[in-house]
Amino acid sequence: MADDSKMPKNEVRRLQILRATLRLLRRYGAGITTAQIAAEASCSKETLYNWFGDRDGIMLALAHEQASGMRQAMADRFANAQGNLEARLSSCATLLLDIMTGDAALAVNRVAVAQASLEDAKLGQAVMADWNEQVAAPFMEMFQQGNESGELAVHSPQEAFENLVGLLVGDRQRRLLLGEDTRPDPAAMKAIATKAVQRWLILYHR
């Protein structure tokens, strides 16, 4: 989440509540209550309702806060990635794998899936919108730049991104969501991303 060292006090308090919510999600899963959140954040339920409306509002705010963090991390990585196209794409794909298998992303996704099963897809829709805007968009821009430089032949950037995610993640996130797997360590993530990008380039390198 964002650095709160220079934020107004009310924004710092808001972030503290969201961090408390995330801790509870990691500890107990999707079924946490506003009473639990209030206790963990040392605030009243009335404060939660005033700031977020209801439990769903807290979850939406948490999803957007996570997306904001992803956006900044991806922007920094894309701006600072060095080397040729393969090296830059591998560096960015490593971060993407790190994000997708992280505790925060898994916690929010568990809630989104649980709500969708109850015919309440608002959180899932917000997560997907943030995903497309904050994560997919910079990759697709890189693909377009590759087209313009003559390095890539990408006819559908969206499809190309989905194929990269498939090669990169496979069913790893599903297994993590279900508790059937362990998260790769940094060295393994880099190796997985490098291999995925090499396979992806077979499809799209001009």
N, C-alpha and C. Protein backbone atom coordinates (compact mmCIF):
# COMPACT_ATOMS: atom_id res chain seq x y z
N MET A 1 0.83 -1.19 0.00
CA MET A 1 0.00 0.00 0.00
C MET A 1 0.87 1.25 0.00
N ALA A 2 0.24 2.39 -0.11
CA ALA A 2 0.97 3.64 -0.27
C ALA A 2 1.74 4.01 0.99
N ASP A 3 2.82 4.79 0.80
CA ASP A 3 3.58 5.36 1.91
C ASP A 3 2.74 6.46 2.55
N ASP A 4 2.50 6.31 3.86
CA ASP A 4 1.61 7.28 4.51
C ASP A 4 2.35 8.33 5.32
N SER A 5 3.67 8.44 5.13
CA SER A 5 4.46 9.35 5.96
C SER A 5 4.08 10.80 5.77
N LYS A 6 3.58 11.18 4.61
CA LYS A 6 3.25 12.58 4.35
C LYS A 6 1.76 12.79 4.08
N MET A 7 0.95 11.80 4.45
CA MET A 7 -0.48 11.89 4.17
C MET A 7 -1.22 12.62 5.29
N PRO A 8 -2.37 13.21 4.99
CA PRO A 8 -3.23 13.77 6.04
C PRO A 8 -3.65 12.68 7.03
N LYS A 9 -3.94 13.07 8.26
CA LYS A 9 -4.25 12.09 9.30
C LYS A 9 -5.46 11.23 8.95
N ASN A 10 -6.47 11.85 8.34
CA ASN A 10 -7.66 11.06 8.02
C ASN A 10 -7.37 10.00 6.97
N GLU A 11 -6.45 10.30 6.03
CA GLU A 11 -6.09 9.32 5.01
C GLU A 11 -5.23 8.21 5.62
N VAL A 12 -4.36 8.60 6.56
CA VAL A 12 -3.57 7.59 7.26
C VAL A 12 -4.50 6.63 8.01
N ARG A 13 -5.51 7.18 8.66
CA ARG A 13 -6.45 6.34 9.42
C ARG A 13 -7.21 5.42 8.47
N ARG A 14 -7.60 5.96 7.32
CA ARG A 14 -8.29 5.13 6.33
C ARG A 14 -7.41 3.96 5.89
N LEU A 15 -6.13 4.23 5.64
CA LEU A 15 -5.21 3.17 5.23
C LEU A 15 -5.01 2.16 6.35
N GLN A 16 -5.00 2.63 7.59
CA GLN A 16 -4.87 1.70 8.71
C GLN A 16 -6.03 0.73 8.76
N ILE A 17 -7.22 1.22 8.46
CA ILE A 17 -8.39 0.34 8.43
C ILE A 17 -8.28 -0.67 7.30
N LEU A 18 -7.85 -0.23 6.13
CA LEU A 18 -7.70 -1.15 5.01
C LEU A 18 -6.61 -2.19 5.29
N ARG A 19 -5.54 -1.78 5.94
CA ARG A 19 -4.48 -2.73 6.29
C ARG A 19 -4.99 -3.74 7.31
N ALA A 20 -5.80 -3.27 8.25
CA ALA A 20 -6.39 -4.18 9.23
C ALA A 20 -7.30 -5.19 8.54
N THR A 21 -8.07 -4.70 7.56
CA THR A 21 -8.95 -5.59 6.80
C THR A 21 -8.14 -6.65 6.07
N LEU A 22 -7.04 -6.24 5.46
CA LEU A 22 -6.20 -7.18 4.73
C LEU A 22 -5.60 -8.22 5.67
N ARG A 23 -5.19 -7.80 6.84
CA ARG A 23 -4.65 -8.77 7.81
C ARG A 23 -5.70 -9.82 8.16
N LEU A 24 -6.92 -9.37 8.37
CA LEU A 24 -7.99 -10.30 8.71
C LEU A 24 -8.29 -11.25 7.56
N LEU A 25 -8.29 -10.74 6.34
CA LEU A 25 -8.53 -11.59 5.18
C LEU A 25 -7.46 -12.67 5.06
N ARG A 26 -6.23 -12.29 5.30
CA ARG A 26 -5.14 -13.27 5.25
C ARG A 26 -5.29 -14.32 6.35
N ARG A 27 -5.80 -13.87 7.50
CA ARG A 27 -5.87 -14.76 8.67
C ARG A 27 -7.09 -15.66 8.62
N TYR A 28 -8.25 -15.09 8.22
CA TYR A 28 -9.51 -15.83 8.35
C TYR A 28 -10.23 -16.08 7.03
N GLY A 29 -9.85 -15.40 5.96
CA GLY A 29 -10.54 -15.61 4.70
C GLY A 29 -11.66 -14.62 4.47
N ALA A 30 -12.52 -14.96 3.51
CA ALA A 30 -13.50 -14.00 2.98
C ALA A 30 -14.65 -13.69 3.93
N GLY A 31 -14.87 -14.48 4.96
CA GLY A 31 -16.07 -14.33 5.77
C GLY A 31 -15.97 -13.37 6.93
N ILE A 32 -15.00 -12.48 6.93
CA ILE A 32 -14.83 -11.57 8.06
C ILE A 32 -15.99 -10.57 8.11
N THR A 33 -16.23 -10.04 9.30
CA THR A 33 -17.36 -9.12 9.52
C THR A 33 -16.86 -7.71 9.80
N THR A 34 -17.78 -6.76 9.74
CA THR A 34 -17.41 -5.38 10.07
C THR A 34 -17.01 -5.27 11.54
N ALA A 35 -17.61 -6.08 12.40
CA ALA A 35 -17.24 -6.05 13.81
C ALA A 35 -15.78 -6.47 13.99
N GLN A 36 -15.37 -7.50 13.26
CA GLN A 36 -13.97 -7.93 13.33
C GLN A 36 -13.03 -6.85 12.80
N ILE A 37 -13.44 -6.21 11.70
CA ILE A 37 -12.61 -5.15 11.12
C ILE A 37 -12.48 -3.99 12.10
N ALA A 38 -13.59 -3.60 12.71
CA ALA A 38 -13.56 -2.49 13.67
C ALA A 38 -12.65 -2.81 14.84
N ALA A 39 -12.72 -4.05 15.34
CA ALA A 39 -11.88 -4.44 16.47
C ALA A 39 -10.41 -4.45 16.07
N GLU A 40 -10.10 -5.00 14.90
CA GLU A 40 -8.71 -5.08 14.44
C GLU A 40 -8.14 -3.69 14.20
N ALA A 41 -8.96 -2.77 13.70
CA ALA A 41 -8.51 -1.42 13.39
C ALA A 41 -8.67 -0.45 14.57
N SER A 42 -9.20 -0.95 15.68
CA SER A 42 -9.42 -0.11 16.86
C SER A 42 -10.26 1.12 16.54
N CYS A 43 -11.38 0.88 15.88
CA CYS A 43 -12.31 1.96 15.58
C CYS A 43 -13.73 1.45 15.77
N SER A 44 -14.69 2.35 15.69
CA SER A 44 -16.08 1.95 15.84
C SER A 44 -16.67 1.50 14.52
N LYS A 45 -17.73 0.70 14.60
CA LYS A 45 -18.43 0.31 13.37
C LYS A 45 -19.01 1.53 12.68
N GLU A 46 -19.41 2.54 13.47
CA GLU A 46 -19.95 3.77 12.88
C GLU A 46 -18.91 4.45 12.00
N THR A 47 -17.65 4.42 12.42
CA THR A 47 -16.57 4.99 11.60
C THR A 47 -16.47 4.26 10.27
N LEU A 48 -16.56 2.95 10.32
CA LEU A 48 -16.50 2.16 9.09
C LEU A 48 -17.65 2.54 8.16
N TYR A 49 -18.84 2.63 8.70
CA TYR A 49 -20.01 2.95 7.88
C TYR A 49 -19.92 4.37 7.31
N ASN A 50 -19.41 5.29 8.12
CA ASN A 50 -19.29 6.67 7.64
C ASN A 50 -18.29 6.79 6.49
N TRP A 51 -17.21 6.04 6.54
CA TRP A 51 -16.17 6.16 5.53
C TRP A 51 -16.40 5.26 4.32
N PHE A 52 -16.95 4.07 4.56
CA PHE A 52 -17.01 3.09 3.48
C PHE A 52 -18.43 2.64 3.12
N GLY A 53 -19.41 3.01 3.90
CA GLY A 53 -20.78 2.62 3.61
C GLY A 53 -21.18 1.31 4.26
N ASP A 54 -20.48 0.23 3.88
CA ASP A 54 -20.77 -1.09 4.44
C ASP A 54 -19.56 -1.98 4.18
N ARG A 55 -19.69 -3.26 4.52
CA ARG A 55 -18.58 -4.20 4.35
C ARG A 55 -18.13 -4.26 2.90
N ASP A 56 -19.09 -4.27 1.96
CA ASP A 56 -18.72 -4.31 0.55
C ASP A 56 -17.94 -3.07 0.14
N GLY A 57 -18.30 -1.93 0.73
CA GLY A 57 -17.56 -0.71 0.45
C GLY A 57 -16.12 -0.79 0.92
N ILE A 58 -15.91 -1.44 2.06
CA ILE A 58 -14.54 -1.63 2.56
C ILE A 58 -13.76 -2.50 1.59
N MET A 59 -14.38 -3.58 1.12
CA MET A 59 -13.70 -4.49 0.21
C MET A 59 -13.38 -3.80 -1.13
N LEU A 60 -14.31 -2.98 -1.62
CA LEU A 60 -14.05 -2.23 -2.85
C LEU A 60 -12.90 -1.26 -2.66
N ALA A 61 -12.88 -0.57 -1.52
CA ALA A 61 -11.79 0.36 -1.24
C ALA A 61 -10.47 -0.37 -1.15
N LEU A 62 -10.47 -1.55 -0.54
CA LEU A 62 -9.25 -2.34 -0.44
C LEU A 62 -8.77 -2.78 -1.82
N ALA A 63 -9.71 -3.21 -2.67
CA ALA A 63 -9.34 -3.62 -4.03
C ALA A 63 -8.71 -2.46 -4.80
N HIS A 64 -9.31 -1.28 -4.68
CA HIS A 64 -8.77 -0.11 -5.40
C HIS A 64 -7.41 0.30 -4.83
N GLU A 65 -7.23 0.17 -3.53
CA GLU A 65 -5.94 0.52 -2.93
C GLU A 65 -4.86 -0.44 -3.40
N GLN A 66 -5.21 -1.72 -3.48
CA GLN A 66 -4.25 -2.69 -4.00
C GLN A 66 -3.91 -2.39 -5.46
N ALA A 67 -4.91 -2.02 -6.23
CA ALA A 67 -4.68 -1.69 -7.64
C ALA A 67 -3.77 -0.48 -7.78
N SER A 68 -3.94 0.50 -6.90
CA SER A 68 -3.09 1.69 -6.93
C SER A 68 -1.63 1.30 -6.68
N GLY A 69 -1.42 0.39 -5.73
CA GLY A 69 -0.07 -0.09 -5.47
C GLY A 69 0.50 -0.84 -6.66
N MET A 70 -0.33 -1.66 -7.30
CA MET A 70 0.11 -2.39 -8.48
C MET A 70 0.49 -1.42 -9.60
N ARG A 71 -0.33 -0.38 -9.79
CA ARG A 71 -0.06 0.59 -10.85
C ARG A 71 1.30 1.25 -10.67
N GLN A 72 1.60 1.66 -9.42
CA GLN A 72 2.87 2.32 -9.17
C GLN A 72 4.04 1.37 -9.38
N ALA A 73 3.89 0.14 -8.88
CA ALA A 73 4.96 -0.85 -9.04
C ALA A 73 5.20 -1.17 -10.51
N MET A 74 4.11 -1.34 -11.28
CA MET A 74 4.26 -1.65 -12.70
C MET A 74 4.87 -0.47 -13.45
N ALA A 75 4.43 0.75 -13.12
CA ALA A 75 4.96 1.94 -13.79
C ALA A 75 6.46 2.06 -13.54
N ASP A 76 6.89 1.83 -12.30
CA ASP A 76 8.31 1.90 -11.98
C ASP A 76 9.09 0.84 -12.74
N ARG A 77 8.56 -0.38 -12.80
CA ARG A 77 9.27 -1.47 -13.47
C ARG A 77 9.38 -1.20 -14.97
N PHE A 78 8.28 -0.78 -15.59
CA PHE A 78 8.32 -0.51 -17.03
C PHE A 78 9.27 0.65 -17.34
N ALA A 79 9.32 1.65 -16.46
CA ALA A 79 10.17 2.81 -16.71
C ALA A 79 11.65 2.46 -16.56
N ASN A 80 11.96 1.49 -15.70
CA ASN A 80 13.36 1.21 -15.38
C ASN A 80 13.89 -0.09 -15.96
N ALA A 81 13.04 -0.87 -16.65
CA ALA A 81 13.51 -2.12 -17.25
C ALA A 81 14.57 -1.84 -18.30
N GLN A 82 15.64 -2.62 -18.27
CA GLN A 82 16.78 -2.41 -19.15
C GLN A 82 16.94 -3.59 -20.12
N GLY A 83 17.72 -3.35 -21.18
CA GLY A 83 18.07 -4.42 -22.11
C GLY A 83 17.18 -4.47 -23.32
N ASN A 84 17.26 -5.59 -24.03
CA ASN A 84 16.45 -5.76 -25.23
C ASN A 84 15.01 -6.09 -24.86
N LEU A 85 14.18 -6.28 -25.87
CA LEU A 85 12.76 -6.52 -25.63
C LEU A 85 12.54 -7.72 -24.72
N GLU A 86 13.25 -8.81 -24.97
CA GLU A 86 13.07 -10.00 -24.15
C GLU A 86 13.43 -9.74 -22.70
N ALA A 87 14.53 -9.04 -22.47
CA ALA A 87 14.96 -8.75 -21.10
C ALA A 87 13.96 -7.85 -20.39
N ARG A 88 13.48 -6.83 -21.08
CA ARG A 88 12.53 -5.91 -20.46
C ARG A 88 11.21 -6.62 -20.15
N LEU A 89 10.75 -7.39 -21.11
CA LEU A 89 9.48 -8.10 -20.92
C LEU A 89 9.62 -9.13 -19.80
N SER A 90 10.76 -9.80 -19.70
CA SER A 90 10.98 -10.79 -18.64
C SER A 90 10.97 -10.11 -17.27
N SER A 91 11.58 -8.93 -17.18
CA SER A 91 11.61 -8.19 -15.93
C SER A 91 10.19 -7.82 -15.50
N CYS A 92 9.40 -7.32 -16.44
CA CYS A 92 8.02 -6.92 -16.13
C CYS A 92 7.15 -8.13 -15.82
N ALA A 93 7.39 -9.24 -16.52
CA ALA A 93 6.62 -10.46 -16.27
C ALA A 93 6.93 -11.03 -14.89
N THR A 94 8.18 -10.90 -14.45
CA THR A 94 8.54 -11.36 -13.10
C THR A 94 7.74 -10.60 -12.05
N LEU A 95 7.63 -9.30 -12.22
CA LEU A 95 6.82 -8.51 -11.28
C LEU A 95 5.35 -8.91 -11.36
N LEU A 96 4.85 -9.16 -12.56
CA LEU A 96 3.46 -9.57 -12.71
C LEU A 96 3.19 -10.87 -11.95
N LEU A 97 4.10 -11.83 -12.07
CA LEU A 97 3.95 -13.09 -11.34
C LEU A 97 4.00 -12.85 -9.84
N ASP A 98 4.89 -11.96 -9.40
CA ASP A 98 5.00 -11.61 -7.98
C ASP A 98 3.68 -11.04 -7.48
N ILE A 99 3.08 -10.13 -8.24
CA ILE A 99 1.82 -9.51 -7.85
C ILE A 99 0.70 -10.55 -7.79
N MET A 100 0.61 -11.37 -8.82
CA MET A 100 -0.52 -12.30 -8.93
C MET A 100 -0.47 -13.40 -7.87
N THR A 101 0.72 -13.72 -7.37
CA THR A 101 0.82 -14.77 -6.36
C THR A 101 1.00 -14.21 -4.95
N GLY A 102 0.93 -12.88 -4.81
CA GLY A 102 1.10 -12.26 -3.51
C GLY A 102 -0.11 -12.43 -2.61
N ASP A 103 0.12 -12.34 -1.30
CA ASP A 103 -0.95 -12.52 -0.32
C ASP A 103 -2.10 -11.54 -0.53
N ALA A 104 -1.75 -10.28 -0.85
CA ALA A 104 -2.80 -9.26 -0.99
C ALA A 104 -3.72 -9.58 -2.15
N ALA A 105 -3.14 -9.92 -3.31
CA ALA A 105 -3.96 -10.25 -4.48
C ALA A 105 -4.81 -11.48 -4.22
N LEU A 106 -4.23 -12.48 -3.59
CA LEU A 106 -4.98 -13.70 -3.30
C LEU A 106 -6.13 -13.42 -2.34
N ALA A 107 -5.88 -12.59 -1.33
CA ALA A 107 -6.93 -12.29 -0.35
C ALA A 107 -8.10 -11.58 -1.00
N VAL A 108 -7.82 -10.56 -1.82
CA VAL A 108 -8.89 -9.82 -2.49
C VAL A 108 -9.63 -10.71 -3.47
N ASN A 109 -8.90 -11.55 -4.19
CA ASN A 109 -9.55 -12.45 -5.16
C ASN A 109 -10.45 -13.46 -4.48
N ARG A 110 -10.06 -13.92 -3.30
CA ARG A 110 -10.92 -14.86 -2.58
C ARG A 110 -12.26 -14.22 -2.23
N VAL A 111 -12.21 -12.97 -1.81
CA VAL A 111 -13.45 -12.27 -1.48
C VAL A 111 -14.29 -12.06 -2.74
N ALA A 112 -13.65 -11.68 -3.85
CA ALA A 112 -14.37 -11.45 -5.10
C ALA A 112 -15.06 -12.72 -5.56
N VAL A 113 -14.37 -13.86 -5.45
CA VAL A 113 -14.97 -15.14 -5.86
C VAL A 113 -16.12 -15.49 -4.94
N ALA A 114 -15.94 -15.28 -3.63
CA ALA A 114 -17.01 -15.60 -2.68
C ALA A 114 -18.25 -14.75 -2.94
N GLN A 115 -18.05 -13.47 -3.23
CA GLN A 115 -19.19 -12.60 -3.50
C GLN A 115 -19.87 -12.98 -4.81
N ALA A 116 -19.08 -13.34 -5.81
CA ALA A 116 -19.67 -13.73 -7.09
C ALA A 116 -20.55 -14.96 -6.94
N SER A 117 -20.15 -15.87 -6.04
CA SER A 117 -20.96 -17.07 -5.82
C SER A 117 -22.29 -16.75 -5.16
N LEU A 118 -22.37 -15.55 -4.57
CA LEU A 118 -23.62 -15.10 -3.94
C LEU A 118 -24.38 -14.14 -4.85
N GLU A 119 -24.05 -14.16 -6.13
CA GLU A 119 -24.68 -13.31 -7.15
C GLU A 119 -24.44 -11.83 -6.87
N ASP A 120 -23.28 -11.52 -6.30
CA ASP A 120 -22.88 -10.13 -6.07
C ASP A 120 -21.51 -9.95 -6.71
N ALA A 121 -21.50 -9.48 -7.94
CA ALA A 121 -20.25 -9.45 -8.72
C ALA A 121 -19.58 -8.09 -8.72
N LYS A 122 -20.03 -7.16 -7.85
CA LYS A 122 -19.48 -5.81 -7.90
C LYS A 122 -17.98 -5.80 -7.65
N LEU A 123 -17.54 -6.54 -6.64
CA LEU A 123 -16.12 -6.55 -6.33
C LEU A 123 -15.33 -7.20 -7.47
N GLY A 124 -15.84 -8.30 -8.00
CA GLY A 124 -15.17 -8.95 -9.11
C GLY A 124 -15.05 -8.03 -10.32
N GLN A 125 -16.11 -7.29 -10.60
CA GLN A 125 -16.07 -6.34 -11.71
C GLN A 125 -15.04 -5.24 -11.47
N ALA A 126 -14.95 -4.78 -10.22
CA ALA A 126 -13.97 -3.74 -9.89
C ALA A 126 -12.56 -4.28 -10.02
N VAL A 127 -12.35 -5.51 -9.55
CA VAL A 127 -11.01 -6.12 -9.66
C VAL A 127 -10.61 -6.26 -11.11
N MET A 128 -11.54 -6.69 -11.96
CA MET A 128 -11.23 -6.86 -13.38
C MET A 128 -10.96 -5.51 -14.04
N ALA A 129 -11.74 -4.50 -13.70
CA ALA A 129 -11.52 -3.18 -14.28
C ALA A 129 -10.16 -2.63 -13.89
N ASP A 130 -9.80 -2.78 -12.61
CA ASP A 130 -8.49 -2.34 -12.16
C ASP A 130 -7.38 -3.13 -12.83
N TRP A 131 -7.58 -4.42 -12.98
CA TRP A 131 -6.60 -5.29 -13.65
C TRP A 131 -6.34 -4.81 -15.07
N ASN A 132 -7.41 -4.54 -15.80
CA ASN A 132 -7.25 -4.12 -17.19
C ASN A 132 -6.57 -2.76 -17.29
N GLU A 133 -6.91 -1.85 -16.37
CA GLU A 133 -6.38 -0.49 -16.43
C GLU A 133 -4.97 -0.39 -15.88
N GLN A 134 -4.70 -1.07 -14.77
CA GLN A 134 -3.44 -0.88 -14.07
C GLN A 134 -2.36 -1.88 -14.46
N VAL A 135 -2.75 -3.08 -14.88
CA VAL A 135 -1.77 -4.13 -15.13
C VAL A 135 -1.68 -4.48 -16.61
N ALA A 136 -2.82 -4.76 -17.24
CA ALA A 136 -2.79 -5.17 -18.64
C ALA A 136 -2.36 -4.04 -19.57
N ALA A 137 -2.81 -2.83 -19.29
CA ALA A 137 -2.58 -1.70 -20.20
C ALA A 137 -1.10 -1.45 -20.50
N PRO A 138 -0.20 -1.42 -19.50
CA PRO A 138 1.20 -1.16 -19.84
C PRO A 138 1.84 -2.27 -20.67
N PHE A 139 1.42 -3.51 -20.45
CA PHE A 139 1.93 -4.59 -21.29
C PHE A 139 1.46 -4.40 -22.74
N MET A 140 0.19 -4.07 -22.90
CA MET A 140 -0.32 -3.90 -24.26
C MET A 140 0.33 -2.71 -24.96
N GLU A 141 0.67 -1.69 -24.19
CA GLU A 141 1.39 -0.55 -24.78
C GLU A 141 2.78 -0.99 -25.24
N MET A 142 3.44 -1.85 -24.44
CA MET A 142 4.74 -2.37 -24.85
C MET A 142 4.63 -3.19 -26.13
N PHE A 143 3.55 -3.99 -26.23
CA PHE A 143 3.35 -4.78 -27.43
C PHE A 143 3.18 -3.88 -28.65
N GLN A 144 2.41 -2.80 -28.47
CA GLN A 144 2.20 -1.87 -29.58
C GLN A 144 3.52 -1.21 -30.00
N GLN A 145 4.32 -0.86 -29.03
CA GLN A 145 5.63 -0.29 -29.33
C GLN A 145 6.49 -1.29 -30.07
N GLY A 146 6.38 -2.57 -29.69
CA GLY A 146 7.12 -3.62 -30.40
C GLY A 146 6.65 -3.76 -31.83
N ASN A 147 5.36 -3.61 -32.06
CA ASN A 147 4.84 -3.62 -33.43
C ASN A 147 5.45 -2.48 -34.24
N GLU A 148 5.47 -1.29 -33.64
CA GLU A 148 5.95 -0.11 -34.36
C GLU A 148 7.44 -0.17 -34.65
N SER A 149 8.20 -0.83 -33.77
CA SER A 149 9.64 -0.95 -33.99
C SER A 149 9.98 -2.11 -34.92
N GLY A 150 8.99 -2.93 -35.23
CA GLY A 150 9.23 -4.08 -36.11
C GLY A 150 9.70 -5.32 -35.38
N GLU A 151 9.73 -5.29 -34.04
CA GLU A 151 10.19 -6.45 -33.28
C GLU A 151 9.09 -7.49 -33.07
N LEU A 152 7.84 -7.03 -33.02
CA LEU A 152 6.73 -7.92 -32.72
C LEU A 152 5.70 -7.88 -33.84
N ALA A 153 4.90 -8.95 -33.89
CA ALA A 153 3.75 -9.01 -34.79
C ALA A 153 2.55 -9.39 -33.94
N VAL A 154 2.01 -8.40 -33.21
CA VAL A 154 0.89 -8.61 -32.30
C VAL A 154 -0.35 -7.98 -32.93
N HIS A 155 -1.30 -8.83 -33.34
CA HIS A 155 -2.52 -8.32 -33.97
C HIS A 155 -3.58 -7.95 -32.94
N SER A 156 -3.60 -8.65 -31.82
CA SER A 156 -4.55 -8.36 -30.75
C SER A 156 -3.77 -8.24 -29.44
N PRO A 157 -3.48 -7.01 -28.99
CA PRO A 157 -2.74 -6.85 -27.74
C PRO A 157 -3.42 -7.53 -26.55
N GLN A 158 -4.76 -7.48 -26.48
CA GLN A 158 -5.47 -8.11 -25.38
C GLN A 158 -5.24 -9.62 -25.38
N GLU A 159 -5.37 -10.23 -26.54
CA GLU A 159 -5.14 -11.67 -26.65
C GLU A 159 -3.69 -12.02 -26.34
N ALA A 160 -2.77 -11.19 -26.80
CA ALA A 160 -1.35 -11.43 -26.54
C ALA A 160 -1.06 -11.37 -25.05
N PHE A 161 -1.68 -10.42 -24.36
CA PHE A 161 -1.49 -10.32 -22.91
C PHE A 161 -2.06 -11.54 -22.21
N GLU A 162 -3.24 -11.96 -22.60
CA GLU A 162 -3.85 -13.14 -21.99
C GLU A 162 -2.99 -14.38 -22.21
N ASN A 163 -2.39 -14.49 -23.39
CA ASN A 163 -1.51 -15.62 -23.65
C ASN A 163 -0.26 -15.56 -22.77
N LEU A 164 0.27 -14.36 -22.57
CA LEU A 164 1.44 -14.23 -21.69
C LEU A 164 1.09 -14.64 -20.27
N VAL A 165 -0.07 -14.18 -19.79
CA VAL A 165 -0.50 -14.54 -18.43
C VAL A 165 -0.67 -16.05 -18.32
N GLY A 166 -1.25 -16.67 -19.35
CA GLY A 166 -1.42 -18.11 -19.34
C GLY A 166 -0.10 -18.85 -19.24
N LEU A 167 0.88 -18.42 -20.03
CA LEU A 167 2.20 -19.04 -19.99
C LEU A 167 2.91 -18.77 -18.67
N LEU A 168 2.68 -17.61 -18.11
CA LEU A 168 3.37 -17.20 -16.90
C LEU A 168 2.79 -17.85 -15.65
N VAL A 169 1.48 -17.88 -15.56
CA VAL A 169 0.82 -18.28 -14.32
C VAL A 169 0.22 -19.68 -14.41
N GLY A 170 -0.33 -20.04 -15.59
CA GLY A 170 -1.00 -21.32 -15.71
C GLY A 170 -2.09 -21.44 -14.67
N ASP A 171 -2.10 -22.54 -13.93
CA ASP A 171 -3.12 -22.69 -12.87
C ASP A 171 -2.51 -22.45 -11.50
N ARG A 172 -1.35 -21.78 -11.47
CA ARG A 172 -0.65 -21.56 -10.20
C ARG A 172 -1.49 -20.72 -9.24
N GLN A 173 -2.11 -19.65 -9.74
CA GLN A 173 -2.91 -18.81 -8.85
C GLN A 173 -4.11 -19.58 -8.29
N ARG A 174 -4.73 -20.40 -9.13
CA ARG A 174 -5.86 -21.21 -8.64
C ARG A 174 -5.40 -22.14 -7.52
N ARG A 175 -4.24 -22.78 -7.70
CA ARG A 175 -3.73 -23.68 -6.67
C ARG A 175 -3.40 -22.93 -5.38
N LEU A 176 -2.87 -21.72 -5.52
CA LEU A 176 -2.58 -20.92 -4.34
C LEU A 176 -3.87 -20.50 -3.64
N LEU A 177 -4.87 -20.12 -4.43
CA LEU A 177 -6.16 -19.74 -3.84
C LEU A 177 -6.77 -20.88 -3.04
N LEU A 178 -6.55 -22.09 -3.52
CA LEU A 178 -7.11 -23.27 -2.86
C LEU A 178 -6.17 -23.84 -1.80
N GLY A 179 -5.01 -23.23 -1.61
CA GLY A 179 -4.06 -23.71 -0.61
C GLY A 179 -3.33 -24.97 -1.01
N GLU A 180 -3.28 -25.25 -2.32
CA GLU A 180 -2.67 -26.49 -2.80
C GLU A 180 -1.20 -26.32 -3.21
N ASP A 181 -0.68 -25.11 -3.14
CA ASP A 181 0.67 -24.87 -3.64
C ASP A 181 1.35 -23.83 -2.76
N THR A 182 2.66 -23.71 -2.91
CA THR A 182 3.41 -22.66 -2.23
C THR A 182 3.88 -21.64 -3.25
N ARG A 183 4.07 -20.41 -2.80
CA ARG A 183 4.48 -19.33 -3.68
C ARG A 183 5.94 -19.53 -4.10
N PRO A 184 6.26 -19.34 -5.39
CA PRO A 184 7.65 -19.46 -5.82
C PRO A 184 8.53 -18.42 -5.13
N ASP A 185 9.79 -18.77 -4.88
CA ASP A 185 10.71 -17.78 -4.32
C ASP A 185 11.19 -16.86 -5.44
N PRO A 186 11.87 -15.75 -5.11
CA PRO A 186 12.25 -14.79 -6.15
C PRO A 186 13.05 -15.38 -7.30
N ALA A 187 13.98 -16.28 -7.00
CA ALA A 187 14.78 -16.89 -8.07
C ALA A 187 13.90 -17.74 -8.99
N ALA A 188 12.97 -18.48 -8.39
CA ALA A 188 12.06 -19.31 -9.19
C ALA A 188 11.14 -18.44 -10.03
N MET A 189 10.66 -17.32 -9.46
CA MET A 189 9.81 -16.41 -10.23
C MET A 189 10.53 -15.89 -11.47
N LYS A 190 11.78 -15.51 -11.31
CA LYS A 190 12.54 -14.99 -12.44
C LYS A 190 12.70 -16.06 -13.51
N ALA A 191 12.98 -17.29 -13.08
CA ALA A 191 13.14 -18.39 -14.05
C ALA A 191 11.83 -18.69 -14.76
N ILE A 192 10.73 -18.70 -14.02
CA ILE A 192 9.42 -18.97 -14.61
C ILE A 192 9.08 -17.88 -15.63
N ALA A 193 9.32 -16.61 -15.26
CA ALA A 193 9.00 -15.50 -16.16
C ALA A 193 9.86 -15.53 -17.41
N THR A 194 11.14 -15.83 -17.26
CA THR A 194 12.04 -15.89 -18.42
C THR A 194 11.58 -16.95 -19.40
N LYS A 195 11.24 -18.12 -18.89
CA LYS A 195 10.77 -19.21 -19.74
C LYS A 195 9.45 -18.86 -20.42
N ALA A 196 8.54 -18.25 -19.67
CA ALA A 196 7.24 -17.87 -20.24
C ALA A 196 7.42 -16.86 -21.36
N VAL A 197 8.29 -15.88 -21.18
CA VAL A 197 8.51 -14.86 -22.21
C VAL A 197 9.16 -15.48 -23.44
N GLN A 198 10.10 -16.38 -23.24
CA GLN A 198 10.73 -17.04 -24.39
C GLN A 198 9.69 -17.80 -25.21
N ARG A 199 8.78 -18.48 -24.55
CA ARG A 199 7.72 -19.20 -25.26
C ARG A 199 6.76 -18.23 -25.94
N TRP A 200 6.47 -17.12 -25.25
CA TRP A 200 5.58 -16.11 -25.82
C TRP A 200 6.18 -15.50 -27.09
N LEU A 201 7.46 -15.26 -27.07
CA LEU A 201 8.12 -14.65 -28.22
C LEU A 201 8.14 -15.57 -29.44
N ILE A 202 8.08 -16.87 -29.22
CA ILE A 202 7.95 -17.80 -30.34
C ILE A 202 6.69 -17.49 -31.13
N LEU A 203 5.64 -17.08 -30.41
CA LEU A 203 4.38 -16.79 -31.06
C LEU A 203 4.36 -15.41 -31.71
N TYR A 204 5.06 -14.43 -31.09
CA TYR A 204 4.85 -13.04 -31.49
C TYR A 204 6.10 -12.32 -32.00
N HIS A 205 7.28 -12.91 -31.89
CA HIS A 205 8.47 -12.21 -32.39
C HIS A 205 8.46 -12.21 -33.91
N ARG A 206 8.71 -11.05 -34.49
CA ARG A 206 8.66 -10.93 -35.95
C ARG A 206 9.89 -11.60 -36.59
